[in-house]
């Protein structure tokens, strides 16, 4: 196990996610300073639904290790920081929040692979269908087929970031320890999204 600074948020960060953060609380400005002086690694976990504040709240145990890749000091004293997800993490123990949230974590292996191409291809097909329906509803989502990684789990994570599915669905995808399970969860979420879009179109 190792100790990492933590940033509980109302979003799911996947490996490969690029997350911009505007830092203004004193503790997170301190966290940022320590990141620039050290390895630049921290963790993001999703705050459970119904909990407005990170302090004293419940958080999901599976999240992502993030690497700070750039930051800018703004004139108002805040900081705009950009980080990218590198791998999954599991929180083993939350520590004292002084000077900022920290946790003892273990780094999780990548999801197990298998014969998953048909399931991932289905994800890509459902993505195209969802984007086509969104375009019919007036969203500016483009007409070209979105590029996704040839790596199955990277493709699943990319698609999960592209479409407006629920955070709890995204969390279930992140927690999956097999690519086939992650792709199946994504298919289910995409089918639900398509149903909602079709209802909005009156189909």
N, C-alpha and C. Protein backbone atom coordinates (compact mmCIF):
# COMPACT_ATOMS: atom_id res chain seq x y z
N UNK A 1 0.84 -1.20 0.00
CA UNK A 1 0.00 0.00 0.00
C UNK A 1 0.88 1.25 0.00
N UNK A 2 0.31 2.34 -0.44
CA UNK A 2 0.99 3.63 -0.44
C UNK A 2 -0.02 4.71 -0.11
N UNK A 3 0.46 5.85 0.27
CA UNK A 3 -0.41 6.99 0.59
C UNK A 3 -0.43 7.95 -0.58
N UNK A 4 -1.64 8.35 -0.97
CA UNK A 4 -1.79 9.34 -2.04
C UNK A 4 -2.70 10.46 -1.58
N UNK A 5 -2.43 11.70 -2.03
CA UNK A 5 -3.43 12.76 -1.87
C UNK A 5 -4.68 12.36 -2.66
N UNK A 6 -5.84 12.73 -2.17
CA UNK A 6 -7.09 12.33 -2.81
C UNK A 6 -7.97 13.54 -3.10
N UNK A 7 -8.72 13.43 -4.18
CA UNK A 7 -9.65 14.48 -4.58
C UNK A 7 -11.00 13.83 -4.84
N UNK A 8 -11.86 13.72 -3.83
CA UNK A 8 -13.21 13.19 -4.06
C UNK A 8 -14.01 14.18 -4.91
N UNK A 9 -14.67 13.68 -5.94
CA UNK A 9 -15.42 14.54 -6.86
C UNK A 9 -16.74 13.89 -7.23
N UNK A 10 -17.59 14.67 -7.84
CA UNK A 10 -18.86 14.16 -8.32
C UNK A 10 -18.76 13.66 -9.74
N UNK A 11 -17.66 13.04 -10.10
CA UNK A 11 -17.46 12.47 -11.43
C UNK A 11 -16.57 11.25 -11.32
N UNK A 12 -16.61 10.43 -12.37
CA UNK A 12 -15.77 9.25 -12.46
C UNK A 12 -14.62 9.54 -13.40
N UNK A 13 -13.40 9.31 -12.94
CA UNK A 13 -12.20 9.44 -13.77
C UNK A 13 -11.74 8.04 -14.16
N UNK A 14 -11.55 7.82 -15.44
CA UNK A 14 -11.05 6.55 -15.95
C UNK A 14 -9.56 6.67 -16.27
N UNK A 15 -8.84 5.56 -16.31
CA UNK A 15 -7.51 5.62 -16.94
C UNK A 15 -7.64 6.18 -18.36
N UNK A 16 -6.86 7.19 -18.67
CA UNK A 16 -6.97 7.87 -19.95
C UNK A 16 -7.79 9.14 -19.90
N UNK A 17 -8.58 9.35 -18.85
CA UNK A 17 -9.38 10.57 -18.73
C UNK A 17 -8.47 11.78 -18.54
N UNK A 18 -8.81 12.86 -19.21
CA UNK A 18 -8.15 14.15 -18.99
C UNK A 18 -9.12 15.01 -18.18
N UNK A 19 -8.70 15.36 -16.97
CA UNK A 19 -9.58 16.05 -16.03
C UNK A 19 -9.02 17.44 -15.70
N UNK A 20 -9.72 18.50 -16.09
CA UNK A 20 -9.34 19.85 -15.65
C UNK A 20 -9.97 20.15 -14.30
N UNK A 21 -9.23 20.76 -13.42
CA UNK A 21 -9.72 21.10 -12.09
C UNK A 21 -9.39 22.54 -11.78
N UNK A 22 -10.38 23.30 -11.30
CA UNK A 22 -10.12 24.66 -10.83
C UNK A 22 -10.02 24.59 -9.31
N UNK A 23 -8.84 24.85 -8.79
CA UNK A 23 -8.56 24.72 -7.36
C UNK A 23 -8.66 26.08 -6.69
N UNK A 24 -9.47 26.14 -5.63
CA UNK A 24 -9.62 27.42 -4.93
C UNK A 24 -9.60 27.27 -3.41
N UNK A 25 -9.99 26.07 -2.90
CA UNK A 25 -9.93 25.87 -1.45
C UNK A 25 -8.47 25.81 -1.01
N UNK A 26 -8.22 26.34 0.20
CA UNK A 26 -6.84 26.40 0.70
C UNK A 26 -6.19 25.03 0.73
N UNK A 27 -6.95 24.01 1.14
CA UNK A 27 -6.34 22.67 1.26
C UNK A 27 -5.95 22.11 -0.10
N UNK A 28 -6.73 22.42 -1.13
CA UNK A 28 -6.40 21.89 -2.45
C UNK A 28 -5.31 22.71 -3.13
N UNK A 29 -5.19 23.98 -2.74
CA UNK A 29 -4.04 24.75 -3.20
C UNK A 29 -2.76 24.21 -2.56
N UNK A 30 -2.86 23.80 -1.29
CA UNK A 30 -1.71 23.15 -0.64
C UNK A 30 -1.39 21.82 -1.32
N UNK A 31 -2.44 21.05 -1.63
CA UNK A 31 -2.25 19.78 -2.34
C UNK A 31 -1.53 20.02 -3.66
N UNK A 32 -1.97 21.04 -4.40
CA UNK A 32 -1.34 21.34 -5.68
C UNK A 32 0.13 21.66 -5.51
N UNK A 33 0.47 22.44 -4.50
CA UNK A 33 1.87 22.78 -4.27
C UNK A 33 2.70 21.53 -3.99
N UNK A 34 2.15 20.63 -3.20
CA UNK A 34 2.86 19.39 -2.89
C UNK A 34 2.99 18.51 -4.12
N UNK A 35 1.98 18.52 -5.01
CA UNK A 35 2.08 17.75 -6.24
C UNK A 35 3.21 18.26 -7.12
N UNK A 36 3.32 19.58 -7.22
CA UNK A 36 4.37 20.14 -8.08
C UNK A 36 5.76 19.91 -7.50
N UNK A 37 5.82 19.70 -6.19
CA UNK A 37 7.11 19.45 -5.55
C UNK A 37 7.46 17.96 -5.51
N UNK A 38 6.48 17.10 -5.80
CA UNK A 38 6.70 15.66 -5.70
C UNK A 38 6.45 14.96 -7.02
N UNK A 39 5.81 13.78 -6.93
CA UNK A 39 5.60 12.95 -8.12
C UNK A 39 4.48 13.46 -9.01
N UNK A 40 3.61 14.30 -8.47
CA UNK A 40 2.47 14.80 -9.24
C UNK A 40 1.29 13.84 -9.27
N UNK A 41 1.36 12.75 -8.50
CA UNK A 41 0.28 11.77 -8.50
C UNK A 41 -0.71 12.02 -7.38
N UNK A 42 -1.99 11.84 -7.68
CA UNK A 42 -3.05 11.89 -6.68
C UNK A 42 -4.17 10.98 -7.15
N UNK A 43 -5.20 10.83 -6.33
CA UNK A 43 -6.31 9.96 -6.70
C UNK A 43 -7.62 10.72 -6.80
N UNK A 44 -8.47 10.27 -7.70
CA UNK A 44 -9.84 10.78 -7.79
C UNK A 44 -10.79 9.62 -7.54
N UNK A 45 -11.75 9.82 -6.65
CA UNK A 45 -12.83 8.86 -6.42
C UNK A 45 -14.15 9.59 -6.48
N UNK A 46 -15.18 8.85 -6.82
CA UNK A 46 -16.53 9.42 -6.91
C UNK A 46 -17.15 9.54 -5.52
N UNK A 47 -17.70 10.71 -5.22
CA UNK A 47 -18.50 10.89 -4.01
C UNK A 47 -19.84 10.20 -4.22
N UNK A 48 -20.26 9.41 -3.26
CA UNK A 48 -21.52 8.69 -3.42
C UNK A 48 -22.68 9.66 -3.54
N UNK A 49 -23.66 9.26 -4.33
CA UNK A 49 -24.83 10.10 -4.58
C UNK A 49 -25.49 10.50 -3.27
N UNK A 50 -25.92 11.78 -3.19
CA UNK A 50 -26.59 12.28 -2.01
C UNK A 50 -25.65 12.92 -1.02
N UNK A 51 -24.34 12.85 -1.27
CA UNK A 51 -23.36 13.47 -0.37
C UNK A 51 -22.80 14.69 -1.09
N UNK A 52 -23.11 15.87 -0.57
CA UNK A 52 -22.72 17.09 -1.25
C UNK A 52 -21.28 17.47 -0.98
N UNK A 53 -20.78 17.12 0.18
CA UNK A 53 -19.44 17.53 0.56
C UNK A 53 -18.53 16.31 0.72
N UNK A 54 -17.27 16.51 0.41
CA UNK A 54 -16.31 15.41 0.58
C UNK A 54 -16.07 15.13 2.07
N UNK A 55 -16.02 16.17 2.89
CA UNK A 55 -15.73 16.00 4.31
C UNK A 55 -16.79 15.15 4.98
N UNK A 56 -16.36 14.08 5.61
CA UNK A 56 -17.28 13.27 6.38
C UNK A 56 -18.24 12.47 5.53
N UNK A 57 -18.10 12.55 4.21
CA UNK A 57 -19.02 11.84 3.33
C UNK A 57 -18.50 10.46 2.98
N UNK A 58 -19.33 9.73 2.26
CA UNK A 58 -18.94 8.40 1.80
C UNK A 58 -18.45 8.50 0.37
N UNK A 59 -17.40 7.75 0.08
CA UNK A 59 -16.84 7.75 -1.26
C UNK A 59 -16.73 6.31 -1.75
N UNK A 60 -16.80 6.14 -3.05
CA UNK A 60 -16.55 4.81 -3.61
C UNK A 60 -15.08 4.46 -3.42
N UNK A 61 -14.81 3.18 -3.29
CA UNK A 61 -13.44 2.74 -3.00
C UNK A 61 -12.58 2.60 -4.25
N UNK A 62 -13.20 2.42 -5.41
CA UNK A 62 -12.44 2.28 -6.65
C UNK A 62 -12.41 3.62 -7.37
N UNK A 63 -11.21 4.06 -7.73
CA UNK A 63 -11.05 5.32 -8.45
C UNK A 63 -9.86 5.20 -9.39
N UNK A 64 -9.27 6.32 -9.72
CA UNK A 64 -8.13 6.33 -10.64
C UNK A 64 -6.98 7.14 -10.08
N UNK A 65 -5.78 6.64 -10.33
CA UNK A 65 -4.57 7.42 -10.07
C UNK A 65 -4.46 8.45 -11.18
N UNK A 66 -4.22 9.69 -10.80
CA UNK A 66 -4.10 10.79 -11.74
C UNK A 66 -2.68 11.35 -11.73
N UNK A 67 -2.22 11.78 -12.89
CA UNK A 67 -0.91 12.42 -13.00
C UNK A 67 -1.10 13.88 -13.41
N UNK A 68 -0.62 14.79 -12.59
CA UNK A 68 -0.68 16.21 -12.94
C UNK A 68 0.21 16.44 -14.15
N UNK A 69 -0.37 17.04 -15.21
CA UNK A 69 0.41 17.28 -16.44
C UNK A 69 0.61 18.76 -16.73
N UNK A 70 -0.09 19.61 -16.03
CA UNK A 70 0.08 21.04 -16.24
C UNK A 70 -0.83 21.84 -15.33
N UNK A 71 -0.41 23.06 -15.01
CA UNK A 71 -1.25 23.92 -14.19
C UNK A 71 -0.89 25.38 -14.45
N UNK A 72 -1.87 26.24 -14.18
CA UNK A 72 -1.69 27.67 -14.40
C UNK A 72 -2.23 28.43 -13.19
N UNK A 73 -1.44 29.35 -12.65
CA UNK A 73 -1.91 30.22 -11.59
C UNK A 73 -2.74 31.34 -12.21
N UNK A 74 -3.95 31.51 -11.72
CA UNK A 74 -4.85 32.53 -12.25
C UNK A 74 -4.77 33.80 -11.41
N UNK A 75 -5.21 34.90 -12.01
CA UNK A 75 -5.10 36.21 -11.35
C UNK A 75 -5.90 36.29 -10.06
N UNK A 76 -6.95 35.49 -9.92
CA UNK A 76 -7.78 35.55 -8.72
C UNK A 76 -7.26 34.67 -7.59
N UNK A 77 -6.06 34.12 -7.77
CA UNK A 77 -5.47 33.30 -6.72
C UNK A 77 -5.81 31.82 -6.82
N UNK A 78 -6.67 31.46 -7.75
CA UNK A 78 -6.99 30.05 -7.95
C UNK A 78 -6.00 29.44 -8.93
N UNK A 79 -6.09 28.13 -9.09
CA UNK A 79 -5.19 27.39 -9.98
C UNK A 79 -6.03 26.52 -10.90
N UNK A 80 -5.72 26.54 -12.19
CA UNK A 80 -6.33 25.61 -13.12
C UNK A 80 -5.32 24.50 -13.37
N UNK A 81 -5.68 23.29 -12.98
CA UNK A 81 -4.77 22.15 -13.10
C UNK A 81 -5.38 21.11 -14.03
N UNK A 82 -4.54 20.47 -14.81
CA UNK A 82 -4.98 19.42 -15.74
C UNK A 82 -4.23 18.14 -15.39
N UNK A 83 -4.99 17.05 -15.28
CA UNK A 83 -4.38 15.76 -14.95
C UNK A 83 -4.93 14.69 -15.89
N UNK A 84 -4.21 13.58 -15.98
CA UNK A 84 -4.64 12.47 -16.83
C UNK A 84 -4.62 11.19 -15.99
N UNK A 85 -5.64 10.35 -16.17
CA UNK A 85 -5.71 9.09 -15.44
C UNK A 85 -4.71 8.09 -15.98
N UNK A 86 -4.05 7.36 -15.08
CA UNK A 86 -3.03 6.41 -15.50
C UNK A 86 -3.39 4.97 -15.20
N UNK A 87 -4.07 4.70 -14.08
CA UNK A 87 -4.43 3.34 -13.70
C UNK A 87 -5.49 3.41 -12.61
N UNK A 88 -6.10 2.26 -12.34
CA UNK A 88 -7.13 2.22 -11.30
C UNK A 88 -6.49 2.09 -9.92
N UNK A 89 -7.25 2.52 -8.92
CA UNK A 89 -6.80 2.38 -7.53
C UNK A 89 -7.94 1.86 -6.68
N UNK A 90 -7.58 1.27 -5.53
CA UNK A 90 -8.56 0.88 -4.53
C UNK A 90 -8.16 1.49 -3.21
N UNK A 91 -9.09 2.22 -2.60
CA UNK A 91 -8.83 2.84 -1.30
C UNK A 91 -8.95 1.79 -0.21
N UNK A 92 -7.87 1.61 0.53
CA UNK A 92 -7.85 0.66 1.64
C UNK A 92 -8.22 1.34 2.96
N UNK A 93 -7.82 2.61 3.11
CA UNK A 93 -8.08 3.33 4.37
C UNK A 93 -7.99 4.83 4.12
N UNK A 94 -9.01 5.55 4.58
CA UNK A 94 -8.96 7.00 4.54
C UNK A 94 -8.18 7.50 5.75
N UNK A 95 -7.36 8.51 5.54
CA UNK A 95 -6.54 9.08 6.60
C UNK A 95 -7.09 10.45 7.00
N UNK A 96 -6.44 11.07 7.95
CA UNK A 96 -6.81 12.42 8.39
C UNK A 96 -6.79 13.38 7.21
N UNK A 97 -7.76 14.30 7.17
CA UNK A 97 -7.84 15.28 6.08
C UNK A 97 -6.82 16.41 6.19
N UNK A 98 -6.02 16.44 7.24
CA UNK A 98 -5.06 17.52 7.45
C UNK A 98 -3.72 17.14 6.81
N UNK A 99 -3.21 17.90 5.85
CA UNK A 99 -3.68 19.22 5.37
C UNK A 99 -4.67 19.13 4.22
N UNK A 100 -4.92 17.91 3.69
CA UNK A 100 -5.88 17.70 2.60
C UNK A 100 -6.25 16.21 2.63
N UNK A 101 -7.31 15.82 1.94
CA UNK A 101 -7.71 14.41 1.96
C UNK A 101 -6.58 13.49 1.47
N UNK A 102 -6.37 12.41 2.21
CA UNK A 102 -5.35 11.43 1.85
C UNK A 102 -5.90 10.04 2.13
N UNK A 103 -5.34 9.05 1.46
CA UNK A 103 -5.78 7.68 1.69
C UNK A 103 -4.64 6.72 1.43
N UNK A 104 -4.72 5.58 2.10
CA UNK A 104 -3.84 4.46 1.79
C UNK A 104 -4.50 3.68 0.67
N UNK A 105 -3.77 3.47 -0.41
CA UNK A 105 -4.37 2.86 -1.60
C UNK A 105 -3.48 1.73 -2.12
N UNK A 106 -4.10 0.86 -2.90
CA UNK A 106 -3.36 -0.11 -3.70
C UNK A 106 -3.68 0.16 -5.17
N UNK A 107 -2.71 -0.05 -6.02
CA UNK A 107 -2.92 0.11 -7.46
C UNK A 107 -3.50 -1.19 -8.01
N UNK A 108 -4.56 -1.05 -8.78
CA UNK A 108 -5.28 -2.22 -9.29
C UNK A 108 -4.76 -2.61 -10.67
N UNK A 109 -4.71 -3.90 -10.97
CA UNK A 109 -4.28 -4.31 -12.30
C UNK A 109 -5.33 -3.94 -13.35
N UNK A 110 -4.90 -3.90 -14.59
CA UNK A 110 -5.85 -3.67 -15.68
C UNK A 110 -6.85 -4.83 -15.73
N UNK A 111 -8.07 -4.57 -16.18
CA UNK A 111 -9.06 -5.65 -16.25
C UNK A 111 -8.58 -6.82 -17.10
N UNK A 112 -8.99 -8.02 -16.72
CA UNK A 112 -8.60 -9.22 -17.45
C UNK A 112 -9.16 -9.19 -18.87
N UNK A 113 -8.33 -9.66 -19.79
CA UNK A 113 -8.74 -9.68 -21.20
C UNK A 113 -9.34 -11.03 -21.54
N UNK A 114 -9.93 -11.10 -22.71
CA UNK A 114 -10.52 -12.34 -23.19
C UNK A 114 -11.06 -12.10 -24.59
N UNK A 115 -11.86 -13.01 -25.10
CA UNK A 115 -12.45 -12.84 -26.43
C UNK A 115 -13.62 -11.86 -26.38
N UNK A 116 -13.29 -10.57 -26.39
CA UNK A 116 -14.31 -9.54 -26.12
C UNK A 116 -14.64 -8.67 -27.33
N UNK A 117 -13.99 -8.90 -28.48
CA UNK A 117 -14.19 -8.00 -29.61
C UNK A 117 -15.66 -7.84 -30.02
N UNK A 118 -16.46 -8.93 -30.09
CA UNK A 118 -17.88 -8.72 -30.47
C UNK A 118 -18.61 -7.80 -29.51
N UNK A 119 -18.34 -7.92 -28.20
CA UNK A 119 -19.01 -7.08 -27.21
C UNK A 119 -18.56 -5.64 -27.33
N UNK A 120 -17.27 -5.42 -27.55
CA UNK A 120 -16.76 -4.06 -27.70
C UNK A 120 -17.25 -3.46 -29.01
N UNK A 121 -17.30 -4.26 -30.07
CA UNK A 121 -17.85 -3.77 -31.34
C UNK A 121 -19.30 -3.34 -31.17
N UNK A 122 -20.04 -4.07 -30.35
CA UNK A 122 -21.43 -3.69 -30.07
C UNK A 122 -21.47 -2.33 -29.36
N UNK A 123 -20.52 -2.08 -28.46
CA UNK A 123 -20.43 -0.77 -27.81
C UNK A 123 -20.25 0.32 -28.85
N UNK A 124 -19.38 0.09 -29.81
CA UNK A 124 -19.12 1.10 -30.85
C UNK A 124 -20.38 1.35 -31.68
N UNK A 125 -21.11 0.28 -32.01
CA UNK A 125 -22.34 0.43 -32.79
C UNK A 125 -23.39 1.22 -32.01
N UNK A 126 -23.52 0.91 -30.71
CA UNK A 126 -24.49 1.63 -29.89
C UNK A 126 -24.09 3.09 -29.72
N UNK A 127 -22.78 3.35 -29.65
CA UNK A 127 -22.31 4.74 -29.58
C UNK A 127 -22.75 5.51 -30.82
N UNK A 128 -22.54 4.92 -31.99
CA UNK A 128 -22.96 5.59 -33.23
C UNK A 128 -24.46 5.86 -33.23
N UNK A 129 -25.24 4.89 -32.77
CA UNK A 129 -26.69 5.06 -32.74
C UNK A 129 -27.08 6.18 -31.78
N UNK A 130 -26.44 6.22 -30.61
CA UNK A 130 -26.76 7.26 -29.63
C UNK A 130 -26.40 8.64 -30.17
N UNK A 131 -25.25 8.75 -30.84
CA UNK A 131 -24.84 10.04 -31.39
C UNK A 131 -25.77 10.48 -32.52
N UNK A 132 -26.22 9.52 -33.33
CA UNK A 132 -27.14 9.86 -34.42
C UNK A 132 -28.46 10.38 -33.86
N UNK A 133 -28.96 9.76 -32.82
CA UNK A 133 -30.21 10.22 -32.19
C UNK A 133 -30.02 11.59 -31.55
N UNK A 134 -28.87 11.78 -30.89
CA UNK A 134 -28.60 13.08 -30.28
C UNK A 134 -28.53 14.17 -31.34
N UNK A 135 -27.96 13.84 -32.50
CA UNK A 135 -27.89 14.81 -33.59
C UNK A 135 -29.29 15.17 -34.09
N UNK A 136 -30.17 14.17 -34.18
CA UNK A 136 -31.55 14.44 -34.58
C UNK A 136 -32.25 15.37 -33.60
N UNK A 137 -31.83 15.30 -32.33
CA UNK A 137 -32.42 16.17 -31.31
C UNK A 137 -31.78 17.55 -31.28
N UNK A 138 -30.81 17.78 -32.15
CA UNK A 138 -30.21 19.11 -32.26
C UNK A 138 -28.86 19.27 -31.61
N UNK A 139 -28.32 18.20 -31.02
CA UNK A 139 -26.99 18.30 -30.40
C UNK A 139 -25.92 18.33 -31.48
N UNK A 140 -24.90 19.14 -31.25
CA UNK A 140 -23.80 19.25 -32.20
C UNK A 140 -22.75 18.19 -31.88
N UNK A 141 -23.02 16.96 -32.31
CA UNK A 141 -22.13 15.84 -31.99
C UNK A 141 -21.33 15.37 -33.20
N UNK A 142 -21.53 16.01 -34.35
CA UNK A 142 -20.79 15.62 -35.54
C UNK A 142 -21.43 14.43 -36.23
N UNK A 143 -20.99 14.17 -37.45
CA UNK A 143 -21.58 13.10 -38.25
C UNK A 143 -20.59 11.97 -38.51
N UNK A 144 -19.30 12.19 -38.24
CA UNK A 144 -18.32 11.15 -38.50
C UNK A 144 -18.29 10.14 -37.35
N UNK A 145 -17.93 8.90 -37.71
CA UNK A 145 -17.82 7.85 -36.68
C UNK A 145 -16.67 8.21 -35.75
N UNK A 146 -16.91 8.25 -34.43
CA UNK A 146 -15.83 8.61 -33.50
C UNK A 146 -14.72 7.57 -33.52
N UNK A 147 -13.50 8.04 -33.46
CA UNK A 147 -12.36 7.13 -33.36
C UNK A 147 -12.27 6.61 -31.93
N UNK A 148 -12.05 5.31 -31.79
CA UNK A 148 -11.82 4.71 -30.49
C UNK A 148 -10.59 3.82 -30.57
N UNK A 149 -9.99 3.60 -29.45
CA UNK A 149 -8.76 2.82 -29.39
C UNK A 149 -8.99 1.38 -29.88
N UNK A 150 -7.93 0.79 -30.43
CA UNK A 150 -7.99 -0.62 -30.80
C UNK A 150 -7.87 -1.52 -29.58
N UNK A 151 -7.40 -0.95 -28.46
CA UNK A 151 -7.31 -1.70 -27.21
C UNK A 151 -8.70 -1.77 -26.60
N UNK A 152 -9.20 -2.97 -26.31
CA UNK A 152 -10.61 -3.10 -25.89
C UNK A 152 -10.97 -2.30 -24.65
N UNK A 153 -10.19 -2.39 -23.57
CA UNK A 153 -10.58 -1.68 -22.36
C UNK A 153 -10.45 -0.17 -22.53
N UNK A 154 -9.43 0.27 -23.29
CA UNK A 154 -9.30 1.70 -23.56
C UNK A 154 -10.50 2.20 -24.35
N UNK A 155 -10.97 1.38 -25.32
CA UNK A 155 -12.14 1.76 -26.11
C UNK A 155 -13.38 1.88 -25.23
N UNK A 156 -13.56 0.92 -24.31
CA UNK A 156 -14.71 0.97 -23.40
C UNK A 156 -14.66 2.23 -22.54
N UNK A 157 -13.49 2.54 -21.99
CA UNK A 157 -13.37 3.74 -21.16
C UNK A 157 -13.61 5.00 -22.00
N UNK A 158 -13.10 5.03 -23.22
CA UNK A 158 -13.30 6.21 -24.07
C UNK A 158 -14.79 6.43 -24.36
N UNK A 159 -15.49 5.36 -24.71
CA UNK A 159 -16.92 5.49 -25.02
C UNK A 159 -17.70 5.91 -23.78
N UNK A 160 -17.33 5.35 -22.63
CA UNK A 160 -18.01 5.72 -21.37
C UNK A 160 -17.83 7.19 -21.05
N UNK A 161 -16.72 7.79 -21.52
CA UNK A 161 -16.50 9.22 -21.29
C UNK A 161 -17.24 10.08 -22.31
N UNK A 162 -17.52 9.53 -23.50
CA UNK A 162 -18.08 10.32 -24.59
C UNK A 162 -19.56 10.61 -24.42
N UNK A 163 -20.27 9.69 -23.78
CA UNK A 163 -21.73 9.78 -23.78
C UNK A 163 -22.25 10.11 -22.38
N UNK A 164 -23.41 10.76 -22.30
CA UNK A 164 -23.95 11.19 -20.99
C UNK A 164 -24.68 10.07 -20.28
N UNK A 165 -23.92 9.08 -19.78
CA UNK A 165 -24.53 8.05 -18.96
C UNK A 165 -24.34 8.41 -17.49
N UNK A 166 -25.11 7.78 -16.63
CA UNK A 166 -25.08 8.12 -15.21
C UNK A 166 -23.72 7.80 -14.58
N UNK A 167 -23.35 8.61 -13.58
CA UNK A 167 -22.08 8.37 -12.89
C UNK A 167 -22.02 6.98 -12.27
N UNK A 168 -23.15 6.48 -11.77
CA UNK A 168 -23.15 5.15 -11.17
C UNK A 168 -22.91 4.07 -12.22
N UNK A 169 -23.38 4.28 -13.44
CA UNK A 169 -23.06 3.36 -14.53
C UNK A 169 -21.57 3.42 -14.87
N UNK A 170 -21.03 4.64 -14.92
CA UNK A 170 -19.60 4.78 -15.16
C UNK A 170 -18.78 4.12 -14.06
N UNK A 171 -19.22 4.26 -12.82
CA UNK A 171 -18.51 3.64 -11.71
C UNK A 171 -18.51 2.13 -11.83
N UNK A 172 -19.62 1.56 -12.23
CA UNK A 172 -19.70 0.11 -12.39
C UNK A 172 -18.74 -0.36 -13.49
N UNK A 173 -18.62 0.43 -14.56
CA UNK A 173 -17.67 0.10 -15.62
C UNK A 173 -16.23 0.16 -15.10
N UNK A 174 -15.94 1.21 -14.32
CA UNK A 174 -14.59 1.35 -13.77
C UNK A 174 -14.25 0.20 -12.83
N UNK A 175 -15.20 -0.25 -12.05
CA UNK A 175 -14.95 -1.29 -11.06
C UNK A 175 -14.79 -2.68 -11.67
N UNK A 176 -15.24 -2.87 -12.91
CA UNK A 176 -15.21 -4.20 -13.52
C UNK A 176 -13.78 -4.70 -13.65
N UNK A 177 -13.56 -5.95 -13.25
CA UNK A 177 -12.22 -6.53 -13.29
C UNK A 177 -12.00 -7.43 -14.50
N UNK A 178 -12.95 -7.43 -15.42
CA UNK A 178 -12.80 -8.13 -16.69
C UNK A 178 -13.31 -7.22 -17.79
N UNK A 179 -12.62 -7.20 -18.93
CA UNK A 179 -13.04 -6.34 -20.04
C UNK A 179 -14.46 -6.71 -20.48
N UNK A 180 -14.77 -8.01 -20.48
CA UNK A 180 -16.10 -8.45 -20.93
C UNK A 180 -17.19 -7.88 -20.04
N UNK A 181 -16.93 -7.82 -18.72
CA UNK A 181 -17.93 -7.25 -17.81
C UNK A 181 -18.07 -5.74 -18.03
N UNK A 182 -16.94 -5.04 -18.19
CA UNK A 182 -16.99 -3.60 -18.42
C UNK A 182 -17.76 -3.29 -19.69
N UNK A 183 -17.51 -4.06 -20.76
CA UNK A 183 -18.20 -3.84 -22.03
C UNK A 183 -19.69 -4.15 -21.91
N UNK A 184 -20.03 -5.21 -21.16
CA UNK A 184 -21.44 -5.55 -20.97
C UNK A 184 -22.17 -4.46 -20.20
N UNK A 185 -21.53 -3.91 -19.16
CA UNK A 185 -22.14 -2.82 -18.40
C UNK A 185 -22.33 -1.59 -19.29
N UNK A 186 -21.33 -1.31 -20.14
CA UNK A 186 -21.44 -0.16 -21.03
C UNK A 186 -22.56 -0.36 -22.03
N UNK A 187 -22.68 -1.57 -22.60
CA UNK A 187 -23.78 -1.85 -23.53
C UNK A 187 -25.13 -1.58 -22.87
N UNK A 188 -25.27 -2.04 -21.64
CA UNK A 188 -26.53 -1.85 -20.91
C UNK A 188 -26.83 -0.36 -20.73
N UNK A 189 -25.79 0.41 -20.36
CA UNK A 189 -25.98 1.86 -20.15
C UNK A 189 -26.32 2.55 -21.47
N UNK A 190 -25.66 2.15 -22.56
CA UNK A 190 -25.93 2.76 -23.86
C UNK A 190 -27.34 2.44 -24.35
N UNK A 191 -27.77 1.21 -24.13
CA UNK A 191 -29.13 0.85 -24.53
C UNK A 191 -30.16 1.68 -23.76
N UNK A 192 -29.88 1.92 -22.48
CA UNK A 192 -30.78 2.78 -21.71
C UNK A 192 -30.79 4.20 -22.24
N UNK A 193 -29.62 4.73 -22.58
CA UNK A 193 -29.53 6.08 -23.13
C UNK A 193 -30.29 6.17 -24.45
N UNK A 194 -30.13 5.17 -25.31
CA UNK A 194 -30.82 5.17 -26.60
C UNK A 194 -32.33 5.15 -26.41
N UNK A 195 -32.80 4.39 -25.44
CA UNK A 195 -34.24 4.36 -25.16
C UNK A 195 -34.75 5.74 -24.78
N UNK A 196 -33.99 6.44 -23.93
CA UNK A 196 -34.39 7.80 -23.52
C UNK A 196 -34.39 8.74 -24.73
N UNK A 197 -33.37 8.66 -25.56
CA UNK A 197 -33.29 9.54 -26.73
C UNK A 197 -34.43 9.27 -27.70
N UNK A 198 -34.77 8.01 -27.89
CA UNK A 198 -35.87 7.67 -28.80
C UNK A 198 -37.20 8.19 -28.25
N UNK A 199 -37.37 8.11 -26.94
CA UNK A 199 -38.61 8.65 -26.35
C UNK A 199 -38.70 10.15 -26.57
N UNK A 200 -37.55 10.83 -26.45
CA UNK A 200 -37.55 12.28 -26.67
C UNK A 200 -37.88 12.63 -28.11
N UNK A 201 -37.53 11.73 -29.03
CA UNK A 201 -37.85 11.95 -30.45
C UNK A 201 -39.27 11.53 -30.79
N UNK A 202 -39.93 10.86 -29.84
CA UNK A 202 -41.29 10.40 -30.10
C UNK A 202 -41.36 9.11 -30.86
N UNK A 203 -40.23 8.36 -30.90
CA UNK A 203 -40.24 7.06 -31.61
C UNK A 203 -41.03 6.05 -30.82
